[in-house]
Protein backbone atom coordinates (compact mmCIF):
# COMPACT_ATOMS: atom_id res chain seq x y z
CA MET A 1 85.20 96.97 18.88
CA ILE A 2 88.35 98.91 17.96
CA ASP A 3 91.05 99.05 20.64
CA LEU A 4 94.39 100.54 19.61
CA LYS A 5 95.92 99.28 22.87
CA ASP A 6 96.27 95.94 21.12
CA TYR A 7 99.06 97.31 18.89
CA GLU A 8 102.80 97.61 19.51
CA PHE A 9 105.43 99.69 17.74
CA TRP A 10 109.06 98.65 17.99
CA PHE A 11 111.74 101.33 18.28
CA ILE A 12 114.87 100.13 16.49
CA THR A 13 118.25 101.82 16.96
CA GLY A 14 121.14 101.12 14.63
CA SER A 15 124.85 101.37 15.45
CA GLN A 16 128.01 99.25 15.18
CA HIS A 17 130.84 97.94 17.40
CA LEU A 18 133.43 100.31 15.93
CA TYR A 19 132.81 102.87 18.68
CA GLY A 20 133.35 100.60 21.69
CA GLU A 21 131.14 99.47 24.57
CA GLU A 22 131.04 102.84 26.33
CA ILE A 23 129.55 104.55 23.28
CA LEU A 24 127.12 101.65 22.70
CA ASN A 25 125.92 101.93 26.29
CA MET A 26 125.22 105.61 25.74
CA VAL A 27 123.42 104.78 22.47
CA LYS A 28 121.25 102.30 24.38
CA GLU A 29 120.48 104.88 27.07
CA HIS A 30 119.54 107.53 24.51
CA SER A 31 117.35 105.05 22.64
CA GLU A 32 115.46 104.15 25.80
CA LYS A 33 114.91 107.82 26.68
CA ILE A 34 113.60 108.66 23.21
CA THR A 35 111.25 105.67 23.23
CA LYS A 36 109.85 106.64 26.62
CA GLY A 37 109.67 110.30 25.64
CA ILE A 38 107.65 109.52 22.53
CA ALA A 39 105.41 107.10 24.41
CA ASP A 40 104.65 109.78 27.01
CA ALA A 41 104.09 112.51 24.41
CA VAL A 42 101.85 110.97 21.75
CA SER A 43 98.10 110.96 22.28
CA ILE A 44 97.44 107.46 20.99
CA PRO A 45 97.05 104.43 23.26
CA VAL A 46 99.51 102.10 21.52
CA LYS A 47 102.50 100.48 23.18
CA PHE A 48 106.08 101.46 22.32
CA VAL A 49 108.72 98.76 22.76
CA ASN A 50 112.39 99.69 22.85
CA MET A 51 114.42 96.91 21.22
CA PRO A 52 118.12 96.14 21.77
CA VAL A 53 120.58 98.25 19.75
CA LEU A 54 121.31 96.44 16.47
CA THR A 55 124.95 96.19 15.42
CA ASN A 56 125.16 93.20 13.04
CA ALA A 57 123.25 91.40 10.30
CA GLY A 58 122.34 88.38 12.42
CA SER A 59 120.55 90.40 15.09
CA ILE A 60 118.74 92.41 12.41
CA ILE A 61 117.49 89.24 10.68
CA ASN A 62 116.27 87.82 13.98
CA LEU A 63 114.42 91.01 14.87
CA CYS A 64 112.72 91.29 11.48
CA ASN A 65 111.58 87.68 11.69
CA GLU A 66 110.17 88.28 15.17
CA ALA A 67 108.34 91.39 13.95
CA ASN A 68 106.75 89.41 11.12
CA LYS A 69 105.56 86.72 13.53
CA SER A 70 104.17 89.15 16.10
CA LYS A 71 100.43 89.77 15.80
CA LYS A 72 100.78 92.81 18.04
CA CYS A 73 103.63 94.51 16.18
CA ALA A 74 102.02 97.01 13.79
CA GLY A 75 105.18 98.78 12.64
CA LEU A 76 108.85 99.54 13.24
CA ILE A 77 110.49 102.92 13.84
CA PHE A 78 114.15 103.02 12.77
CA TRP A 79 116.69 105.49 14.13
CA MET A 80 120.37 105.49 13.25
CA HIS A 81 122.07 106.99 16.31
CA THR A 82 125.56 106.55 14.89
CA PHE A 83 126.85 105.29 11.56
CA SER A 84 125.34 101.83 10.91
CA PRO A 85 126.78 100.25 7.73
CA ALA A 86 123.81 99.59 5.47
CA ARG A 87 124.86 96.24 4.00
CA MET A 88 124.15 94.58 7.31
CA TRP A 89 120.50 95.70 7.01
CA ILE A 90 119.84 94.13 3.60
CA SER A 91 118.87 90.57 4.58
CA GLY A 92 116.63 91.66 7.41
CA LEU A 93 114.84 94.33 5.41
CA LYS A 94 114.24 91.84 2.59
CA LEU A 95 112.32 89.68 5.06
CA LEU A 96 110.37 92.44 6.80
CA LYS A 97 106.62 92.61 6.07
CA LYS A 98 105.59 95.35 8.49
CA PRO A 99 105.32 99.13 7.84
CA ILE A 100 108.46 101.09 8.65
CA LEU A 101 109.17 104.69 9.55
CA HIS A 102 112.62 106.25 9.36
CA LEU A 103 113.00 108.76 12.20
CA HIS A 104 115.88 111.01 11.18
CA THR A 105 116.57 112.78 14.45
CA GLN A 106 119.28 113.04 17.09
CA PHE A 107 119.25 112.82 20.86
CA ASN A 108 120.36 116.42 21.47
CA GLN A 109 118.50 119.30 19.91
CA GLU A 110 121.40 121.78 19.82
CA ILE A 111 125.08 121.63 18.98
CA PRO A 112 127.16 122.57 22.08
CA TRP A 113 129.13 125.12 20.08
CA GLU A 114 131.68 126.05 22.74
CA ASN A 115 132.32 122.50 23.99
CA ILE A 116 131.89 120.30 20.95
CA ASP A 117 134.77 117.83 20.44
CA MET A 118 135.44 114.62 18.55
CA GLU A 119 133.95 112.49 21.31
CA TYR A 120 130.64 114.33 20.85
CA MET A 121 130.92 113.98 17.07
CA ASN A 122 131.56 110.23 17.25
CA LEU A 123 128.48 109.68 19.40
CA ASN A 124 126.02 111.98 17.62
CA GLN A 125 126.28 110.85 14.01
CA SER A 126 122.61 110.59 13.04
CA ALA A 127 123.06 113.25 10.36
CA HIS A 128 125.09 110.92 8.17
CA GLY A 129 124.14 107.57 9.73
CA GLY A 130 120.56 108.17 8.66
CA ARG A 131 121.66 108.85 5.10
CA GLU A 132 123.43 105.49 4.93
CA PHE A 133 120.30 103.70 6.09
CA GLY A 134 118.10 105.78 3.78
CA HIS A 135 120.25 104.85 0.80
CA ILE A 136 119.81 101.12 1.19
CA VAL A 137 116.06 101.35 1.84
CA SER A 138 115.65 103.44 -1.31
CA ARG A 139 117.86 101.12 -3.37
CA MET A 140 115.76 98.16 -2.22
CA GLY A 141 112.57 100.01 -3.25
CA ILE A 142 110.94 99.73 0.18
CA ASN A 143 108.09 102.10 0.94
CA ARG A 144 108.44 103.97 4.20
CA LYS A 145 107.73 107.30 5.85
CA VAL A 146 110.66 109.61 6.62
CA LEU A 147 110.34 112.11 9.46
CA VAL A 148 113.09 114.68 9.99
CA GLY A 149 113.42 116.96 13.00
CA TYR A 150 113.88 116.91 16.74
CA TRP A 151 112.04 114.02 18.35
CA GLN A 152 110.27 116.25 20.89
CA GLU A 153 108.88 118.74 18.35
CA GLN A 154 105.08 118.67 18.26
CA ASN A 155 104.87 118.92 14.48
CA LEU A 156 107.05 115.82 14.11
CA LEU A 157 105.04 113.97 16.76
CA ASN A 158 101.79 114.86 15.00
CA LYS A 159 103.05 113.30 11.78
CA LEU A 160 104.27 110.28 13.70
CA ILE A 161 100.80 109.82 15.18
CA ILE A 162 99.27 109.85 11.70
CA TRP A 163 101.65 107.09 10.61
CA LEU A 164 100.96 105.09 13.78
CA ARG A 165 97.22 105.17 13.13
CA ALA A 166 97.65 104.24 9.46
CA SER A 167 99.88 101.34 10.54
CA CYS A 168 97.19 100.09 12.91
CA ALA A 169 94.75 100.05 9.98
CA TYR A 170 97.30 98.19 7.86
CA GLN A 171 97.75 95.56 10.56
CA ASP A 172 93.98 95.27 11.01
CA SER A 173 93.44 94.69 7.29
CA HIS A 174 95.66 91.61 7.31
CA GLY A 175 93.35 88.81 8.30
CA LEU A 176 90.27 91.05 8.02
CA LYS A 177 87.15 89.15 6.93
CA ILE A 178 84.32 90.78 4.98
CA ALA A 179 80.91 89.12 4.61
CA ARG A 180 79.17 89.84 1.32
CA PHE A 181 75.43 89.20 1.54
CA GLY A 182 74.32 88.56 -2.01
CA ASP A 183 76.30 89.85 -4.98
CA ASN A 184 76.88 93.36 -6.22
CA MET A 185 74.17 95.51 -7.78
CA ARG A 186 73.56 94.00 -11.21
CA ASP A 187 75.61 95.32 -14.15
CA VAL A 188 77.53 97.81 -11.96
CA ALA A 189 81.25 97.95 -12.78
CA VAL A 190 83.00 99.94 -10.07
CA THR A 191 81.84 97.80 -7.13
CA GLU A 192 83.47 94.77 -8.75
CA GLY A 193 87.16 93.94 -8.66
CA ASP A 194 89.74 91.21 -8.26
CA LYS A 195 89.15 89.77 -4.79
CA VAL A 196 92.17 87.49 -5.05
CA GLU A 197 94.50 90.37 -5.92
CA ALA A 198 92.90 92.42 -3.13
CA GLN A 199 93.73 89.68 -0.63
CA ILE A 200 97.32 89.61 -1.89
CA ARG A 201 97.67 93.39 -1.78
CA PHE A 202 95.52 94.39 1.22
CA GLY A 203 95.44 91.23 3.31
CA TYR A 204 91.66 90.97 3.71
CA SER A 205 89.35 88.25 2.39
CA VAL A 206 85.86 88.64 0.93
CA ASN A 207 83.37 85.77 0.98
CA GLY A 208 79.78 85.65 -0.19
CA TYR A 209 76.78 84.47 1.82
CA GLY A 210 73.14 83.98 0.93
CA LEU A 211 70.47 85.91 2.77
CA GLY A 212 69.27 82.59 4.15
CA ASP A 213 72.48 82.38 6.17
CA LEU A 214 71.59 85.67 7.83
CA VAL A 215 67.89 84.87 8.24
CA LYS A 216 68.81 81.83 10.35
CA TYR A 217 70.34 84.22 12.88
CA THR A 218 67.48 86.72 12.84
CA ASP A 219 65.00 83.90 13.45
CA GLN A 220 66.84 82.94 16.65
CA ILE A 221 66.63 86.37 18.30
CA THR A 222 64.73 86.37 21.60
CA ASP A 223 62.14 88.83 22.83
CA ASN A 224 64.43 89.80 25.72
CA GLU A 225 67.20 90.76 23.28
CA ILE A 226 64.78 92.81 21.22
CA ASN A 227 63.31 94.60 24.22
CA SER A 228 66.76 95.47 25.52
CA LEU A 229 67.76 96.94 22.15
CA LEU A 230 64.48 98.90 21.92
CA LEU A 231 65.37 100.58 25.20
CA GLN A 232 68.71 101.63 23.68
CA TYR A 233 66.91 103.15 20.71
CA GLU A 234 64.65 105.14 23.01
CA GLU A 235 67.61 106.46 25.02
CA GLU A 236 69.84 107.38 22.08
CA TYR A 237 67.40 108.71 19.47
CA GLN A 238 64.31 110.83 19.03
CA LEU A 239 61.68 108.33 17.92
CA SER A 240 58.95 109.44 15.55
CA PRO A 241 55.46 108.96 17.09
CA GLU A 242 54.53 105.91 15.01
CA LEU A 243 57.67 104.05 16.22
CA GLN A 244 57.17 104.81 19.90
CA LYS A 245 55.65 102.34 22.32
CA ASN A 246 52.09 101.55 21.20
CA GLY A 247 52.75 103.47 17.95
CA GLU A 248 51.07 102.16 14.79
CA ARG A 249 54.43 101.22 13.18
CA ARG A 250 56.12 99.84 16.30
CA SER A 251 56.25 96.39 14.72
CA SER A 252 58.56 97.74 12.01
CA LEU A 253 61.00 98.95 14.66
CA ILE A 254 60.86 95.55 16.34
CA GLU A 255 61.69 93.94 13.00
CA ALA A 256 64.60 96.39 12.49
CA ALA A 257 65.95 95.48 15.93
CA LYS A 258 65.66 91.80 15.07
CA ILE A 259 67.65 92.33 11.87
CA GLU A 260 70.33 94.30 13.72
CA LEU A 261 70.75 91.63 16.40
CA GLY A 262 70.84 88.81 13.87
CA LEU A 263 73.38 90.61 11.69
CA LYS A 264 75.54 91.43 14.71
CA HIS A 265 75.51 87.82 15.92
CA PHE A 266 76.41 86.59 12.42
CA LEU A 267 79.35 88.98 12.15
CA GLU A 268 80.63 88.29 15.67
CA GLU A 269 80.42 84.52 15.34
CA GLY A 270 82.21 84.58 11.99
CA GLY A 271 84.90 87.05 13.09
CA PHE A 272 83.89 89.57 10.41
CA LYS A 273 84.80 93.26 10.68
CA GLY A 274 83.08 94.42 7.51
CA PHE A 275 80.10 93.49 5.36
CA THR A 276 78.04 94.43 2.31
CA THR A 277 74.37 94.22 1.41
CA THR A 278 72.36 94.88 -1.73
CA PHE A 279 68.72 95.89 -2.13
CA GLU A 280 68.48 93.46 -5.07
CA ASN A 281 68.89 90.50 -2.72
CA LEU A 282 66.58 90.73 0.31
CA HIS A 283 64.91 87.31 0.21
CA GLY A 284 63.84 86.37 3.73
CA LEU A 285 64.14 89.89 5.20
CA SER A 286 61.08 92.07 5.58
CA GLN A 287 62.96 95.35 5.08
CA LEU A 288 66.31 96.56 3.81
CA PRO A 289 68.78 96.73 6.73
CA GLY A 290 69.08 100.46 7.32
CA LEU A 291 69.18 101.09 11.04
CA ALA A 292 71.24 97.93 11.56
CA VAL A 293 73.88 99.07 9.09
CA GLN A 294 74.05 102.56 10.58
CA ARG A 295 74.52 101.30 14.12
CA LEU A 296 77.03 98.58 13.22
CA MET A 297 79.11 101.13 11.33
CA GLU A 298 79.10 103.33 14.41
CA ALA A 299 80.36 100.33 16.39
CA GLY A 300 83.37 100.08 14.06
CA TYR A 301 82.33 97.76 11.23
CA GLY A 302 83.19 98.59 7.64
CA PHE A 303 80.28 98.71 5.22
CA GLY A 304 79.66 98.95 1.50
CA ALA A 305 76.23 99.08 -0.15
CA GLU A 306 75.28 97.07 -3.24
CA GLY A 307 78.05 94.53 -2.73
CA ASP A 308 80.85 97.13 -2.64
CA TRP A 309 83.46 95.16 -0.68
CA LYS A 310 86.34 97.55 -1.51
CA THR A 311 84.55 100.44 0.16
CA ALA A 312 83.55 98.23 3.11
CA ALA A 313 87.23 97.43 3.69
CA LEU A 314 88.24 101.08 3.25
CA VAL A 315 85.59 102.31 5.72
CA ARG A 316 86.84 99.74 8.25
CA ALA A 317 90.45 100.94 7.77
CA MET A 318 89.36 104.56 8.21
CA LYS A 319 87.44 103.58 11.36
CA VAL A 320 90.61 102.04 12.81
CA MET A 321 92.74 105.06 11.90
CA SER A 322 90.25 107.47 13.46
CA SER A 323 89.50 105.49 16.63
CA GLY A 324 89.31 107.91 19.55
CA LEU A 325 89.57 111.05 17.40
CA ASN A 326 86.98 113.79 17.18
CA GLY A 327 84.72 113.46 14.16
CA GLY A 328 83.09 110.47 12.55
CA THR A 329 83.63 108.19 9.57
CA SER A 330 80.95 106.75 7.31
CA PHE A 331 80.06 105.04 4.08
CA MET A 332 78.94 107.80 1.68
CA GLU A 333 77.84 108.58 -1.86
CA ASP A 334 77.79 111.74 -3.97
CA TYR A 335 74.05 111.80 -4.62
CA THR A 336 73.02 115.08 -6.27
CA TYR A 337 74.49 118.51 -7.06
CA HIS A 338 73.61 122.14 -6.38
CA LEU A 339 75.11 123.87 -9.43
CA LYS A 340 73.96 127.43 -8.80
CA GLY A 341 76.32 130.17 -7.67
CA LYS A 342 80.02 130.32 -6.94
CA ASN A 343 80.09 127.68 -4.19
CA LYS A 344 78.58 124.74 -6.04
CA MET A 345 77.75 121.94 -3.60
CA VAL A 346 77.26 118.20 -3.31
CA LEU A 347 74.47 116.55 -1.34
CA GLY A 348 75.93 113.31 -0.04
CA ALA A 349 73.72 110.54 1.28
CA HIS A 350 72.59 107.02 0.53
CA MET A 351 69.26 105.28 0.63
CA LEU A 352 69.67 104.54 4.34
CA GLU A 353 73.23 103.67 5.24
CA VAL A 354 75.07 106.69 6.66
CA CYS A 355 76.86 106.33 10.00
CA PRO A 356 75.54 108.43 12.93
CA SER A 357 79.12 109.07 14.07
CA ILE A 358 79.02 112.10 11.73
CA ALA A 359 75.70 113.45 13.06
CA ALA A 360 75.53 117.10 14.13
CA GLN A 361 72.58 116.51 16.44
CA LYS A 362 70.67 113.70 18.13
CA PRO A 363 69.44 111.54 15.24
CA SER A 364 65.76 111.09 14.61
CA LEU A 365 64.57 107.47 14.28
CA GLU A 366 61.97 107.38 11.52
CA ILE A 367 60.19 105.11 9.06
CA HIS A 368 59.42 106.04 5.45
CA PRO A 369 58.78 104.28 2.14
CA LEU A 370 61.70 103.26 -0.07
CA SER A 371 60.91 103.22 -3.76
CA ILE A 372 63.33 100.39 -4.60
CA GLY A 373 63.90 96.90 -3.21
CA GLY A 374 60.29 95.79 -3.14
CA LYS A 375 60.15 95.35 0.63
CA ALA A 376 58.38 96.90 3.60
CA ASP A 377 59.17 100.48 4.61
CA PRO A 378 62.57 100.46 6.34
CA VAL A 379 63.48 102.16 9.61
CA ARG A 380 66.42 104.58 9.52
CA LEU A 381 68.23 107.36 11.41
CA VAL A 382 67.81 110.87 9.93
CA PHE A 383 70.27 113.70 10.60
CA ASN A 384 72.58 116.33 9.10
CA ALA A 385 76.35 115.89 9.26
CA LYS A 386 78.52 118.22 11.32
CA THR A 387 80.06 121.13 9.46
CA GLY A 388 83.82 121.47 8.98
CA LYS A 389 86.72 119.89 7.12
CA ALA A 390 86.28 116.37 5.77
CA LEU A 391 87.40 114.08 2.96
CA ASN A 392 86.03 111.46 0.62
CA ALA A 393 88.17 108.47 -0.37
CA SER A 394 87.71 105.73 -2.93
CA ILE A 395 89.68 102.62 -3.89
CA VAL A 396 89.10 101.30 -7.41
CA ASP A 397 90.46 98.37 -9.39
CA MET A 398 92.04 99.73 -12.58
CA GLY A 399 92.79 96.28 -14.01
CA ASN A 400 96.56 96.36 -13.54
CA ARG A 401 96.57 98.06 -10.12
CA PHE A 402 94.48 99.44 -7.31
CA ARG A 403 94.11 103.21 -7.13
CA MET A 404 93.14 105.38 -4.16
CA ILE A 405 91.55 108.76 -4.86
CA VAL A 406 91.02 111.31 -2.08
CA ASN A 407 89.12 114.60 -2.29
CA GLU A 408 89.28 117.14 0.52
CA VAL A 409 85.96 118.93 1.16
CA ASP A 410 84.29 121.47 3.44
CA VAL A 411 81.00 120.32 4.97
CA VAL A 412 78.43 123.12 5.22
CA GLU A 413 74.90 123.58 6.49
CA PRO A 414 72.17 122.89 3.92
CA PRO A 415 70.93 126.25 2.60
CA LEU A 416 67.36 125.29 3.60
CA GLU A 417 65.81 122.70 5.87
CA LEU A 418 65.40 119.35 4.08
CA LYS A 419 61.88 118.65 5.35
CA LYS A 420 60.96 116.07 2.70
CA LEU A 421 64.26 114.14 2.55
CA PRO A 422 64.10 111.45 5.26
CA VAL A 423 67.70 110.20 5.10
CA ALA A 424 70.97 110.98 6.81
CA ARG A 425 72.97 113.43 4.70
CA ALA A 426 75.96 115.70 4.37
CA VAL A 427 76.35 118.80 2.20
CA TRP A 428 79.85 119.78 1.15
CA ILE A 429 81.87 122.02 -1.14
CA PRO A 430 84.67 119.99 -2.77
CA LYS A 431 88.16 121.45 -3.03
CA PRO A 432 89.23 123.31 -5.07
CA ASP A 433 85.67 123.61 -6.44
CA LEU A 434 83.00 121.21 -7.65
CA PRO A 435 83.72 121.39 -11.41
CA THR A 436 87.45 120.77 -10.95
CA ALA A 437 87.03 118.14 -8.24
CA ALA A 438 84.32 116.20 -10.07
CA SER A 439 86.25 116.34 -13.36
CA ALA A 440 89.43 115.06 -11.70
CA TRP A 441 87.50 112.34 -9.85
CA ILE A 442 85.86 111.15 -13.05
CA LEU A 443 89.12 111.27 -15.03
CA ALA A 444 90.71 109.12 -12.31
CA GLY A 445 87.87 106.59 -12.49
CA GLY A 446 86.74 107.22 -8.91
CA ALA A 447 83.73 105.33 -7.57
CA HIS A 448 80.36 106.78 -6.59
CA HIS A 449 80.74 105.12 -3.17
CA THR A 450 83.31 106.53 -0.75
CA GLY A 451 84.64 106.44 2.73
CA PHE A 452 83.81 109.83 4.25
CA SER A 453 85.62 111.13 7.32
CA GLN A 454 85.61 114.25 9.43
CA ALA A 455 88.27 112.77 11.74
CA LEU A 456 91.06 112.19 9.21
CA ASP A 457 93.02 114.38 6.84
CA SER A 458 94.61 113.25 3.59
CA GLU A 459 97.99 112.42 5.14
CA TYR A 460 96.47 109.40 6.90
CA LEU A 461 95.27 108.00 3.60
CA GLU A 462 98.55 108.80 1.85
CA ASP A 463 100.52 106.91 4.51
CA PHE A 464 98.09 103.99 4.27
CA ALA A 465 98.36 103.85 0.47
CA ASP A 466 102.17 103.90 0.71
CA MET A 467 102.12 100.94 3.10
CA LEU A 468 99.87 99.02 0.73
CA GLY A 469 101.98 99.95 -2.28
CA ILE A 470 99.02 101.28 -4.25
CA GLU A 471 98.57 104.38 -6.39
CA TYR A 472 97.47 107.51 -4.55
CA LEU A 473 95.82 110.59 -6.07
CA LEU A 474 94.87 113.69 -4.09
CA ILE A 475 92.35 116.32 -5.14
CA ASN A 476 92.64 119.41 -2.94
CA ASP A 477 92.80 123.20 -3.08
CA LYS A 478 96.01 123.04 -5.13
CA THR A 479 94.60 120.77 -7.85
CA THR A 480 94.40 121.94 -11.44
CA LEU A 481 93.06 119.75 -14.21
CA GLU A 482 96.11 120.41 -16.37
CA GLU A 483 98.51 119.03 -13.75
CA PHE A 484 96.13 116.27 -12.65
CA LYS A 485 95.92 114.92 -16.20
CA LYS A 486 99.71 114.89 -16.37
CA GLU A 487 99.86 112.94 -13.11
CA LEU A 488 97.44 110.36 -14.50
CA ARG A 489 99.58 109.94 -17.64
CA TRP A 490 102.84 109.69 -15.67
CA ASN A 491 101.30 107.12 -13.35
CA ASP A 492 100.09 105.04 -16.29
CA VAL A 493 103.64 104.95 -17.65
CA PHE A 494 105.12 104.14 -14.23
CA TYR A 495 102.81 101.20 -13.55
CA TYR A 496 103.21 99.88 -17.09
CA LEU A 497 107.00 99.90 -16.79
CA ARG A 498 106.89 98.40 -13.30
CA LYS A 499 104.83 95.52 -14.60
CA GLN A 500 107.47 94.81 -17.26
CA THR A 501 110.33 94.48 -14.73
């Protein structure tokens, strides 16, 4: 479902005619070599397109307009090879709607100390050409990422890859459609928000549908489709005895397959890439969609429980960013705490909906009662998450702005086997520790639902937040409550003043 090959990144080189055609030809040659070098070096299957060297305002305006119109262009990388007077960039940059990265590098890694002359100096002027470009972008208040260093250095390329993946998620979010089955869980505040402002800021749209709309699709599923999907279940999971062929609860698995197929057809036909459900609105369905949600998330769909469309969109964005990387991404919730000892822990789970992309072992396909929802026992995948570094992220509507909160965590093995807990789960130690992390999260107004990822680190989310122009707060091993409170106060002042201008 997610194919990063669909995205292009345009490499833009700035110069001017002051230096003559011979120098401009060399600039063009260097630009082409850097573009190809980066394309060959980065481990992400996007396309890099080297654009003509830009030397005047007219060509810059034309290029920015073309970038805006291109559905494939996910971002622009700017490099000032020589000195490129910044006033000629103003009109084009005012029009540009795509993410930008300023690559402050130069073609040669070393200064030829014994042979350097003025001809070399005139050609290799990135050191001050990049400052001219940087000045105008800062004066215009345009968000961008700045990378400084030699273009072949692995550390620089790693940071470039993070930005590329975040840009793909940004492009994906524009035009993204989220189906909301039913409303949000009644009287819950954090899953609500301004859907119109979200569409303006993030580019995605959220529309509500009754369960009857979905039931029409589930009623049309054929026996052949169901049987084919049952075979997939048997190949991919360890089925509990009652769900196996001729098992006493096999009919429940058939019903779960029917729901999955109907939901998938609905989403595909409508062009949706994310969806929400709520256990308070299940009219027409025999069981809460558990297995269906888990498998569709693994296929790349964003999901939010209880009508949480913001988290559904965030999970989708994190799925795009992490496509092809090791580690999974899932909808998640801080469910209960272990408050004993030095390393206090969180047990993360949900009723049913945790993505098997984070599973440490082959998931077990089981059926158990669910004490809420008033429906038949739902089928679900049960597993523990892989251990290792991970993060939780939340986007909340603060009334005058959207805020992203990210907490870095370490996933650990449960101290004991969870024999009586038939849900997918993850156990983690938040950074810097649970009391500090939970206090900071609560002070920031973070949601109980999150996007959880073992494939991404916080820099991906920071780049994504910068592209969206939203507030970003990080809770990690360096966080102290004293400084975090100050950051919250400073941010309140900043956004208040920005609203007044």
